[in-house]
Protein backbone atom coordinates (compact mmCIF):
# COMPACT_ATOMS: atom_id res chain seq x y z
CA MET A 1 101.23 -31.37 174.14
CA HIS A 2 104.57 -29.79 175.02
CA SER A 3 105.24 -28.77 171.43
CA SER A 4 101.90 -27.00 171.18
CA ILE A 5 102.64 -25.10 174.39
CA ARG A 6 106.08 -24.13 173.06
CA ALA A 7 104.49 -23.01 169.79
CA ALA A 8 101.94 -20.89 171.66
CA ILE A 9 104.67 -19.28 173.79
CA PHE A 10 106.78 -18.60 170.70
CA ALA A 11 103.82 -17.04 168.89
CA LEU A 12 103.06 -14.86 171.91
CA ALA A 13 106.70 -13.76 172.20
CA VAL A 14 106.84 -12.85 168.51
CA SER A 15 103.57 -10.92 168.65
CA LEU A 16 104.79 -8.96 171.68
CA GLY A 17 108.09 -8.13 169.99
CA GLY A 18 110.08 -10.13 172.50
CA LEU A 19 112.30 -11.64 169.83
CA ALA A 20 114.60 -8.81 168.76
CA THR A 21 116.34 -11.03 166.25
CA GLY A 22 113.27 -11.09 164.03
CA SER A 23 113.09 -7.30 164.08
CA VAL A 24 116.75 -6.96 163.15
CA LEU A 25 116.39 -9.33 160.21
CA VAL A 26 113.38 -7.47 158.85
CA THR A 27 115.11 -4.10 159.23
CA THR A 28 118.25 -5.33 157.47
CA ALA A 29 116.25 -6.82 154.62
CA GLN A 30 114.26 -3.62 154.19
CA ALA A 31 117.44 -1.52 154.12
CA GLN A 32 119.00 -3.74 151.43
CA THR A 33 115.94 -3.62 149.21
CA ALA A 34 115.68 0.15 149.57
CA LEU A 35 118.98 0.72 147.72
CA ILE A 36 118.58 1.79 144.11
CA ASP A 37 121.18 0.50 141.65
CA ILE A 38 122.13 3.39 139.39
CA ASN A 39 123.25 0.91 136.74
CA SER A 40 119.87 -0.77 136.38
CA ALA A 41 117.22 1.51 137.90
CA THR A 42 114.37 2.74 135.76
CA LEU A 43 113.85 6.40 134.99
CA ALA A 44 110.92 6.43 137.41
CA GLN A 45 113.02 4.96 140.24
CA LEU A 46 115.76 7.53 139.70
CA ASP A 47 113.26 10.38 139.33
CA ALA A 48 111.78 9.46 142.73
CA LEU A 49 115.08 10.29 144.47
CA LYS A 50 115.22 13.70 146.15
CA GLY A 51 116.88 16.23 143.87
CA ILE A 52 116.75 13.98 140.81
CA GLY A 53 114.16 14.99 138.25
CA ALA A 54 113.42 13.67 134.79
CA VAL A 55 116.42 15.43 133.21
CA ARG A 56 118.95 14.18 135.77
CA ALA A 57 117.44 10.68 135.71
CA ALA A 58 117.90 10.60 131.93
CA ALA A 59 121.50 11.82 132.32
CA ILE A 60 122.21 9.05 134.85
CA VAL A 61 120.86 6.42 132.46
CA LYS A 62 122.80 7.88 129.53
CA GLY A 63 126.07 7.79 131.52
CA ARG A 64 125.88 4.10 132.39
CA PRO A 65 127.72 2.01 133.43
CA TYR A 66 129.21 3.29 136.68
CA LYS A 67 131.94 1.56 138.67
CA ARG A 68 131.25 3.65 141.76
CA LYS A 69 128.24 5.68 142.79
CA ASP A 70 130.37 8.80 143.36
CA GLU A 71 131.02 8.92 139.61
CA LEU A 72 127.71 10.77 139.40
CA VAL A 73 129.60 13.77 140.81
CA THR A 74 133.01 13.23 139.19
CA ARG A 75 131.35 13.00 135.76
CA ASN A 76 129.32 16.17 136.49
CA ILE A 77 125.99 14.40 136.17
CA ILE A 78 124.69 15.70 139.51
CA PRO A 79 126.07 18.31 141.91
CA GLN A 80 127.75 17.33 145.18
CA ASN A 81 124.87 18.61 147.35
CA VAL A 82 122.35 16.38 145.52
CA TYR A 83 124.72 13.41 145.78
CA ASP A 84 125.12 14.02 149.52
CA GLY A 85 121.34 13.79 149.86
CA ILE A 86 120.98 10.46 148.02
CA LYS A 87 124.29 8.63 148.55
CA ASP A 88 122.82 6.40 151.26
CA GLN A 89 119.96 5.37 148.98
CA ILE A 90 121.95 4.32 145.90
CA ILE A 91 124.50 1.72 144.90
CA ALA A 92 126.47 0.96 141.73
CA LYS A 93 126.44 -2.81 141.20
CA GLN A 94 128.58 -4.27 138.47
């Protein structure tokens, strides 16, 4: 009986947002999955980034692999202003 009451209270707390830990875990997981790896992303994934069209997406793929995401600028693949707009959305995994 006590376990069913505890389960009901827990379910109510979760549904009311009373457990901030659950929210933090979901937010962190969503942020990690939102990053696009410039070393393995598809043309469509790259093209979806602001300021990256089909031509720049193809140039990113052609220039692989990258050790660091800022190599997109140092190799003159995209301009600094475009990089500044997407740098928080990309990663260069190795």
